[in-house]
């Protein structure tokens, strides 16, 4: 059990005024037994009214609009959360594909999450499957070996990929960050008909050497028969513990983006993301990322809508 204080600021700066900004945020802790929100304060430029609802994947979502012209948009979350998750011995679950097929037949959402995307280099995904899939392995064992393969053969390098990078591009370069590794793992598992979903959140390792601290993080949850959803982090090759804080789940990053929206006006935008993690021992880890986004419009200002996306998850 641990308590973390997380300060998360997403800021957009525009080189000229924009208006009619419509936004959607998923920066609330996911409701589950493994974590408990103790307090959260949300501050947004001009303090617009928020409409809060639960989406298809049971994420808490808020939408808001800013109609008046503005050159800055700041979205701030101050969160205190307690986590209780511990590493379960998932490899002790010896359930295999027959038990998995029974679960999938009885749950429509699981079936939906077994469908792999169509990619050009599916042959490379199939090669990975040949290496990790043996008849005697449990589902948990296959998931573990998939994470191990990605951790071993893909390099963690920031700045090579972005939120629009495809699985084909990641397979070609074999580099990326947590978001990329999660997407590759999803493609592998779903190609094997193992239900799996994308998870966004934070990682709070406190000197443990895990990659991704101080930024929004991403990992995968796979369905283990007789257990349910089990989180695994291929960026660090670990099963998820109390050091991971879950914000949202979905089919991929686009279902879980912490911030997304659109605005009206032919402006260039600069995205800055600040995340700090405060630990019970008083230590604070901070990280700030600045991203220049190529979103200049060429049409008449009155007719242009441009899209905001939050930072790529590290």
Protein backbone atom coordinates (compact mmCIF):
# COMPACT_ATOMS: atom_id res chain seq x y z
CA UNK A 1 0.00 0.00 0.00
CA UNK A 2 1.29 3.47 -0.88
CA UNK A 3 0.06 7.06 -1.23
CA UNK A 4 1.21 9.25 -4.11
CA UNK A 5 0.72 12.95 -4.85
CA UNK A 6 0.63 13.57 -8.59
CA UNK A 7 0.64 17.00 -10.20
CA UNK A 8 -0.14 16.90 -13.93
CA UNK A 9 -0.27 20.02 -16.13
CA UNK A 10 -1.07 19.99 -19.84
CA UNK A 11 -0.62 23.39 -21.50
CA UNK A 12 -1.27 24.48 -25.08
CA UNK A 13 0.15 27.78 -26.35
CA UNK A 14 -1.06 29.16 -29.70
CA UNK A 15 0.76 31.70 -31.85
CA UNK A 16 -2.50 33.55 -32.47
CA UNK A 17 -5.93 33.54 -30.83
CA UNK A 18 -8.13 30.48 -31.31
CA UNK A 19 -11.73 29.98 -30.26
CA UNK A 20 -14.47 27.41 -29.82
CA UNK A 21 -12.11 24.97 -28.13
CA UNK A 22 -13.91 21.69 -27.38
CA UNK A 23 -12.03 19.21 -25.19
CA UNK A 24 -12.26 15.81 -23.57
CA UNK A 25 -10.10 14.72 -20.62
CA UNK A 26 -9.38 11.33 -19.05
CA UNK A 27 -7.20 12.26 -16.10
CA UNK A 28 -9.30 10.73 -13.31
CA UNK A 29 -8.19 7.55 -11.50
CA UNK A 30 -9.89 4.45 -12.89
CA UNK A 31 -12.37 2.98 -10.42
CA UNK A 32 -11.06 -0.44 -9.38
CA UNK A 33 -10.15 -2.33 -6.17
CA UNK A 34 -6.42 -1.75 -6.68
CA UNK A 35 -6.51 2.02 -6.07
CA UNK A 36 -8.47 4.67 -4.19
CA UNK A 37 -8.68 8.38 -4.96
CA UNK A 38 -8.23 10.39 -1.75
CA UNK A 39 -8.54 13.82 -3.36
CA UNK A 40 -8.41 15.46 -6.78
CA UNK A 41 -8.51 19.09 -7.84
CA UNK A 42 -9.00 20.01 -11.52
CA UNK A 43 -8.19 23.54 -12.75
CA UNK A 44 -8.80 24.65 -16.34
CA UNK A 45 -8.29 28.00 -18.07
CA UNK A 46 -11.38 30.22 -17.56
CA UNK A 47 -12.83 27.51 -15.22
CA UNK A 48 -15.42 26.23 -17.74
CA UNK A 49 -18.27 23.97 -16.66
CA UNK A 50 -17.41 20.27 -17.03
CA UNK A 51 -19.80 17.56 -18.15
CA UNK A 52 -18.72 14.27 -16.52
CA UNK A 53 -19.76 10.84 -17.74
CA UNK A 54 -18.59 7.22 -18.04
CA UNK A 55 -17.53 6.05 -21.51
CA UNK A 56 -17.86 2.67 -23.21
CA UNK A 57 -14.80 1.30 -21.40
CA UNK A 58 -16.02 2.60 -18.00
CA UNK A 59 -13.48 5.44 -17.90
CA UNK A 60 -14.47 8.64 -16.13
CA UNK A 61 -14.46 11.40 -18.75
CA UNK A 62 -15.05 15.15 -18.60
CA UNK A 63 -15.82 17.46 -21.53
CA UNK A 64 -15.66 21.25 -21.58
CA UNK A 65 -15.84 24.13 -24.06
CA UNK A 66 -14.05 27.49 -24.25
CA UNK A 67 -15.87 29.70 -26.75
CA UNK A 68 -14.04 33.00 -26.34
CA UNK A 69 -10.72 33.72 -28.14
CA UNK A 70 -7.64 32.58 -26.24
CA UNK A 71 -3.94 31.90 -26.83
CA UNK A 72 -3.37 29.56 -23.91
CA UNK A 73 -5.13 26.50 -22.53
CA UNK A 74 -3.99 25.00 -19.24
CA UNK A 75 -5.42 21.80 -17.74
CA UNK A 76 -4.16 21.00 -14.26
CA UNK A 77 -4.79 17.94 -12.07
CA UNK A 78 -3.66 17.69 -8.44
CA UNK A 79 -4.24 14.11 -7.36
CA UNK A 80 -3.72 12.15 -4.17
CA UNK A 81 -4.22 8.43 -4.65
CA UNK A 82 -3.69 5.33 -2.52
CA UNK A 83 -2.74 2.09 -4.24
CA UNK A 84 -3.21 -1.38 -2.78
CA UNK A 85 -2.27 -3.68 -5.66
CA UNK A 86 0.42 -6.29 -5.12
CA UNK A 87 2.14 -8.50 -7.65
CA UNK A 88 0.05 -11.63 -7.94
CA UNK A 89 1.73 -14.92 -8.92
CA UNK A 90 -0.04 -14.87 -12.29
CA UNK A 91 2.19 -17.64 -13.60
CA UNK A 92 0.50 -19.93 -11.07
CA UNK A 93 -2.69 -19.65 -13.12
CA UNK A 94 -2.22 -22.65 -15.38
CA UNK A 95 -5.32 -22.00 -17.46
CA UNK A 96 -4.80 -22.37 -21.18
CA UNK A 97 -6.52 -21.64 -24.45
CA UNK A 98 -9.56 -23.87 -23.93
CA UNK A 99 -10.52 -21.97 -20.75
CA UNK A 100 -9.86 -18.70 -22.57
CA UNK A 101 -12.13 -19.67 -25.47
CA UNK A 102 -14.93 -20.36 -22.98
CA UNK A 103 -14.53 -16.92 -21.40
CA UNK A 104 -14.49 -15.17 -24.78
CA UNK A 105 -17.64 -16.94 -25.96
CA UNK A 106 -19.49 -15.69 -22.90
CA UNK A 107 -18.34 -12.04 -22.94
CA UNK A 108 -18.82 -9.86 -26.00
CA UNK A 109 -16.29 -7.21 -24.93
CA UNK A 110 -13.60 -9.86 -24.62
CA UNK A 111 -14.31 -10.97 -28.17
CA UNK A 112 -13.98 -7.37 -29.33
CA UNK A 113 -10.55 -7.14 -27.72
CA UNK A 114 -9.24 -10.24 -29.54
CA UNK A 115 -9.39 -8.57 -32.96
CA UNK A 116 -5.97 -7.55 -34.21
CA UNK A 117 -5.48 -4.55 -36.49
CA UNK A 118 -4.61 -5.03 -40.15
CA UNK A 119 -0.94 -4.14 -40.60
CA UNK A 120 1.49 -4.59 -43.49
CA UNK A 121 4.14 -6.46 -41.53
CA UNK A 122 1.95 -9.08 -39.88
CA UNK A 123 4.64 -11.59 -40.84
CA UNK A 124 6.93 -10.09 -38.17
CA UNK A 125 4.16 -10.39 -35.59
CA UNK A 126 3.67 -14.02 -36.60
CA UNK A 127 7.41 -14.63 -36.20
CA UNK A 128 7.25 -13.32 -32.62
CA UNK A 129 4.27 -15.60 -31.96
CA UNK A 130 6.23 -18.63 -33.19
CA UNK A 131 8.91 -17.85 -30.61
CA UNK A 132 6.64 -17.36 -27.59
CA UNK A 133 3.70 -19.73 -28.22
CA UNK A 134 4.07 -23.37 -27.28
CA UNK A 135 1.16 -25.78 -26.61
CA UNK A 136 2.24 -26.45 -23.03
CA UNK A 137 2.24 -22.77 -21.99
CA UNK A 138 -0.50 -21.14 -19.94
CA UNK A 139 -2.05 -17.87 -21.08
CA UNK A 140 -0.18 -16.08 -18.31
CA UNK A 141 3.07 -17.67 -19.48
CA UNK A 142 2.52 -16.51 -23.06
CA UNK A 143 1.77 -12.97 -21.86
CA UNK A 144 4.91 -12.96 -19.74
CA UNK A 145 7.07 -14.16 -22.63
CA UNK A 146 5.58 -11.56 -24.96
CA UNK A 147 6.53 -8.82 -22.51
CA UNK A 148 10.02 -10.32 -22.16
CA UNK A 149 10.52 -10.38 -25.93
CA UNK A 150 9.56 -6.71 -26.38
CA UNK A 151 11.70 -5.66 -23.43
CA UNK A 152 14.70 -7.57 -24.81
CA UNK A 153 14.52 -6.71 -28.52
CA UNK A 154 13.04 -3.17 -28.61
CA UNK A 155 15.04 -0.14 -27.47
CA UNK A 156 13.54 2.50 -25.20
CA UNK A 157 14.40 5.81 -26.89
CA UNK A 158 12.39 9.01 -26.61
CA UNK A 159 11.77 11.24 -29.61
CA UNK A 160 11.87 8.60 -32.35
CA UNK A 161 8.10 8.05 -32.47
CA UNK A 162 4.97 10.14 -31.89
CA UNK A 163 1.28 9.56 -31.19
CA UNK A 164 0.66 8.77 -34.86
CA UNK A 165 3.41 6.13 -35.22
CA UNK A 166 2.03 2.85 -36.51
CA UNK A 167 2.86 -0.66 -35.38
CA UNK A 168 4.57 -1.18 -38.75
CA UNK A 169 6.89 1.77 -38.08
CA UNK A 170 7.68 0.56 -34.57
CA UNK A 171 8.48 -2.93 -35.89
CA UNK A 172 10.77 -1.41 -38.49
CA UNK A 173 12.80 0.74 -36.07
CA UNK A 174 12.44 -1.51 -33.00
CA UNK A 175 12.59 1.64 -30.86
CA UNK A 176 10.06 3.76 -29.04
CA UNK A 177 8.48 4.46 -25.68
CA UNK A 178 5.86 2.79 -23.53
CA UNK A 179 2.95 3.69 -25.81
CA UNK A 180 4.69 1.99 -28.75
CA UNK A 181 5.59 -1.14 -26.81
CA UNK A 182 2.00 -1.44 -25.59
CA UNK A 183 0.69 -1.24 -29.16
CA UNK A 184 3.10 -3.92 -30.37
CA UNK A 185 2.16 -6.20 -27.47
CA UNK A 186 -1.55 -5.70 -28.18
CA UNK A 187 -1.02 -6.70 -31.81
CA UNK A 188 0.83 -9.86 -30.78
CA UNK A 189 -1.67 -10.94 -28.12
CA UNK A 190 -4.73 -10.18 -30.23
CA UNK A 191 -3.24 -12.07 -33.16
CA UNK A 192 -3.26 -15.03 -30.77
CA UNK A 193 -6.90 -14.28 -29.80
CA UNK A 194 -5.90 -13.28 -26.27
CA UNK A 195 -8.15 -10.38 -25.13
CA UNK A 196 -5.99 -7.40 -24.26
CA UNK A 197 -6.45 -3.70 -23.72
CA UNK A 198 -4.37 -0.54 -23.59
CA UNK A 199 -3.92 1.19 -20.22
CA UNK A 200 -2.83 4.78 -19.58
CA UNK A 201 -1.69 6.12 -16.23
CA UNK A 202 1.42 6.90 -14.23
CA UNK A 203 4.33 4.87 -12.90
CA UNK A 204 5.78 5.78 -9.50
CA UNK A 205 8.87 3.60 -8.90
CA UNK A 206 10.80 5.85 -6.44
CA UNK A 207 14.46 4.98 -7.20
CA UNK A 208 13.68 1.49 -8.49
CA UNK A 209 15.12 2.25 -11.92
CA UNK A 210 11.87 1.60 -13.81
CA UNK A 211 11.50 3.54 -17.05
CA UNK A 212 8.70 6.08 -17.45
CA UNK A 213 8.74 7.79 -14.06
CA UNK A 214 7.48 11.35 -13.99
CA UNK A 215 5.43 11.16 -17.19
CA UNK A 216 2.19 9.64 -18.31
CA UNK A 217 2.82 5.94 -18.80
CA UNK A 218 1.19 3.08 -20.72
CA UNK A 219 0.98 -0.67 -20.35
CA UNK A 220 -1.25 -3.62 -21.26
CA UNK A 221 -3.90 -5.66 -19.49
CA UNK A 222 -4.44 -9.22 -20.68
CA UNK A 223 -7.33 -11.50 -19.78
CA UNK A 224 -6.21 -14.48 -17.66
CA UNK A 225 -8.87 -17.24 -17.29
CA UNK A 226 -9.95 -17.81 -13.66
CA UNK A 227 -8.46 -14.44 -12.71
CA UNK A 228 -9.56 -11.64 -15.04
CA UNK A 229 -7.59 -8.62 -16.18
CA UNK A 230 -3.89 -8.69 -15.32
CA UNK A 231 -1.67 -5.68 -15.98
CA UNK A 232 1.79 -6.11 -17.44
CA UNK A 233 4.30 -3.40 -18.36
CA UNK A 234 6.47 -4.38 -21.37
CA UNK A 235 8.54 -1.19 -21.05
CA UNK A 236 9.91 -2.55 -17.77
CA UNK A 237 8.99 -6.25 -18.17
CA UNK A 238 7.08 -6.36 -14.88
CA UNK A 239 3.58 -7.30 -13.82
CA UNK A 240 1.75 -4.21 -12.61
CA UNK A 241 2.00 -3.46 -8.88
CA UNK A 242 1.04 -0.66 -6.48
CA UNK A 243 3.58 1.53 -8.31
CA UNK A 244 1.25 1.82 -11.33
CA UNK A 245 -1.72 4.21 -11.21
CA UNK A 246 -4.43 3.56 -13.79
CA UNK A 247 -6.34 6.40 -15.45
CA UNK A 248 -8.08 4.82 -18.45
CA UNK A 249 -8.39 1.65 -20.51
CA UNK A 250 -9.41 1.04 -24.11
CA UNK A 251 -8.57 -0.58 -27.39
CA UNK A 252 -5.57 1.69 -28.01
CA UNK A 253 -4.11 5.10 -27.18
CA UNK A 254 -6.90 7.04 -28.89
CA UNK A 255 -9.41 5.59 -26.40
CA UNK A 256 -7.25 6.68 -23.46
CA UNK A 257 -5.61 9.97 -24.43
CA UNK A 258 -5.43 12.12 -21.27
CA UNK A 259 -6.46 15.19 -23.27
CA UNK A 260 -7.93 15.55 -26.74
CA UNK A 261 -10.05 18.12 -28.48
CA UNK A 262 -10.32 20.66 -31.28
CA UNK A 263 -10.26 24.40 -31.75
CA UNK A 264 -11.19 26.88 -34.47
CA UNK A 265 -8.50 29.04 -36.02
CA UNK A 266 -5.34 28.78 -38.23
CA UNK A 267 -2.82 28.66 -35.40
CA UNK A 268 0.33 26.75 -34.60
CA UNK A 269 0.34 25.18 -31.17
CA UNK A 270 3.05 24.24 -28.69
CA UNK A 271 2.26 21.51 -26.18
CA UNK A 272 3.95 21.41 -22.77
CA UNK A 273 3.34 18.61 -20.26
CA UNK A 274 4.54 18.71 -16.67
CA UNK A 275 4.19 15.75 -14.30
CA UNK A 276 5.50 15.48 -10.76
CA UNK A 277 5.23 12.48 -8.46
CA UNK A 278 5.44 13.01 -4.71
CA UNK A 279 6.31 10.05 -2.48
CA UNK A 280 5.57 9.34 1.17
CA UNK A 281 9.27 9.76 2.05
CA UNK A 282 9.15 13.37 0.85
CA UNK A 283 10.97 12.78 -2.45
CA UNK A 284 9.52 14.48 -5.54
CA UNK A 285 10.32 13.53 -9.13
CA UNK A 286 9.49 16.07 -11.87
CA UNK A 287 9.47 15.86 -15.65
CA UNK A 288 8.56 18.42 -18.31
CA UNK A 289 8.13 17.76 -22.02
CA UNK A 290 7.66 20.34 -24.77
CA UNK A 291 6.31 19.24 -28.14
CA UNK A 292 5.93 21.47 -31.20
CA UNK A 293 2.84 20.25 -33.01
CA UNK A 294 2.54 20.61 -36.79
CA UNK A 295 -1.02 21.90 -36.95
CA UNK A 296 -1.01 25.07 -39.02
CA UNK A 297 -4.17 25.42 -41.06
CA UNK A 298 -4.19 26.74 -44.63
CA UNK A 299 -7.89 27.41 -45.14
CA UNK A 300 -9.88 30.48 -44.13
CA UNK A 301 -9.84 31.04 -40.35
CA UNK A 302 -13.62 30.86 -40.02
CA UNK A 303 -13.70 27.38 -41.55
CA UNK A 304 -10.84 25.61 -39.82
CA UNK A 305 -10.96 23.12 -36.95
CA UNK A 306 -7.67 21.73 -35.67
CA UNK A 307 -7.20 18.86 -33.24
CA UNK A 308 -5.44 18.81 -29.87
CA UNK A 309 -3.89 15.63 -28.53
CA UNK A 310 -2.13 15.20 -25.23
CA UNK A 311 1.49 14.16 -25.03
CA UNK A 312 2.77 10.83 -26.19
CA UNK A 313 3.00 8.51 -23.22
CA UNK A 314 6.55 7.82 -22.13
